[in-house]
Amino acid sequence: MKEKTSVTLSPDVLTGIDRLAGSKRSRSALIDEVLRQYLREKIRAERSARDLAILNKYAKELNVDAEDGLEDQAPEED
């Protein structure tokens, strides 16, 4: 269910919205679509930041484990 709200926008923003929406979409539909995309991107960025913080927290340990694994795979020298 959608809720009605009121937003004040500058004339140049409205002009841009009208241009992008064209005659087939309403301002509301375009704004809804743009804000949904923005929110998805923000959520994705927050997740990525959390993941990066976790990786950075354990980076030294992970690098040591990776080096150990590579050494195990290296051919033995004669």
Protein backbone atom coordinates (compact mmCIF):
# COMPACT_ATOMS: atom_id res chain seq x y z
CA MET A 1 0.00 0.00 0.00
CA LYS A 2 1.31 3.42 -0.89
CA GLU A 3 1.04 6.51 1.25
CA LYS A 4 0.63 10.02 0.02
CA THR A 5 3.27 12.55 1.04
CA SER A 6 4.28 16.06 0.11
CA VAL A 7 7.79 16.98 -1.00
CA THR A 8 9.07 20.40 -1.99
CA LEU A 9 11.48 20.35 -4.94
CA SER A 10 13.25 23.06 -6.87
CA PRO A 11 11.96 23.92 -10.36
CA ASP A 12 15.05 22.54 -12.08
CA VAL A 13 14.64 19.19 -10.32
CA LEU A 14 10.99 19.04 -11.36
CA THR A 15 11.97 19.84 -14.93
CA GLY A 16 14.47 16.98 -14.89
CA ILE A 17 11.90 14.60 -13.38
CA ASP A 18 9.33 15.54 -16.00
CA ARG A 19 11.89 15.05 -18.77
CA LEU A 20 12.92 11.61 -17.50
CA ALA A 21 9.39 10.47 -16.72
CA GLY A 22 8.12 11.45 -20.13
CA SER A 23 4.46 11.08 -20.97
CA LYS A 24 4.24 7.40 -20.00
CA ARG A 25 5.19 7.67 -16.30
CA SER A 26 4.06 9.93 -13.50
CA ARG A 27 6.41 12.01 -11.39
CA SER A 28 5.49 9.79 -8.44
CA ALA A 29 6.39 6.60 -10.32
CA LEU A 30 9.78 7.98 -11.35
CA ILE A 31 10.58 9.31 -7.88
CA ASP A 32 9.53 5.97 -6.34
CA GLU A 33 11.77 4.07 -8.77
CA VAL A 34 14.76 6.38 -8.21
CA LEU A 35 14.45 6.26 -4.42
CA ARG A 36 14.11 2.47 -4.41
CA GLN A 37 17.32 2.20 -6.43
CA TYR A 38 19.06 4.66 -4.11
CA LEU A 39 17.99 2.68 -1.04
CA ARG A 40 19.18 -0.61 -2.59
CA GLU A 41 22.56 0.96 -3.33
CA LYS A 42 22.87 2.37 0.20
CA ILE A 43 22.04 -1.01 1.75
CA ARG A 44 24.55 -2.72 -0.57
CA ALA A 45 27.22 -0.15 0.35
CA GLU A 46 26.55 -0.65 4.08
CA ARG A 47 26.87 -4.42 3.67
CA SER A 48 30.08 -4.03 1.72
CA ALA A 49 31.51 -1.72 4.39
CA ARG A 50 30.66 -4.26 7.12
CA ASP A 51 32.20 -7.08 5.07
CA LEU A 52 35.34 -5.04 4.45
CA ALA A 53 35.65 -4.24 8.15
CA ILE A 54 35.44 -7.96 8.96
CA LEU A 55 38.03 -8.82 6.30
CA ASN A 56 40.36 -6.10 7.55
CA LYS A 57 39.95 -7.30 11.14
CA TYR A 58 41.15 -10.78 10.17
CA ALA A 59 43.44 -9.83 7.26
CA LYS A 60 46.72 -10.83 8.91
CA GLU A 61 45.37 -14.22 9.96
CA LEU A 62 43.84 -14.83 6.54
CA ASN A 63 47.07 -13.88 4.79
CA VAL A 64 49.10 -16.24 6.96
CA ASP A 65 46.65 -19.05 6.21
CA ALA A 66 46.84 -18.29 2.49
CA GLU A 67 50.64 -18.27 2.53
CA ASP A 68 50.66 -21.60 4.37
CA GLY A 69 48.34 -23.07 1.77
CA LEU A 70 50.54 -21.82 -1.08
CA GLU A 71 53.66 -23.23 0.56
CA ASP A 72 51.92 -26.61 0.86
CA GLN A 73 51.18 -26.54 -2.88
CA ALA A 74 54.64 -25.45 -4.00
CA PRO A 75 56.81 -28.17 -5.53
CA GLU A 76 59.55 -29.42 -3.28
CA GLU A 77 63.03 -28.20 -4.16
CA ASP A 78 65.80 -30.76 -4.59
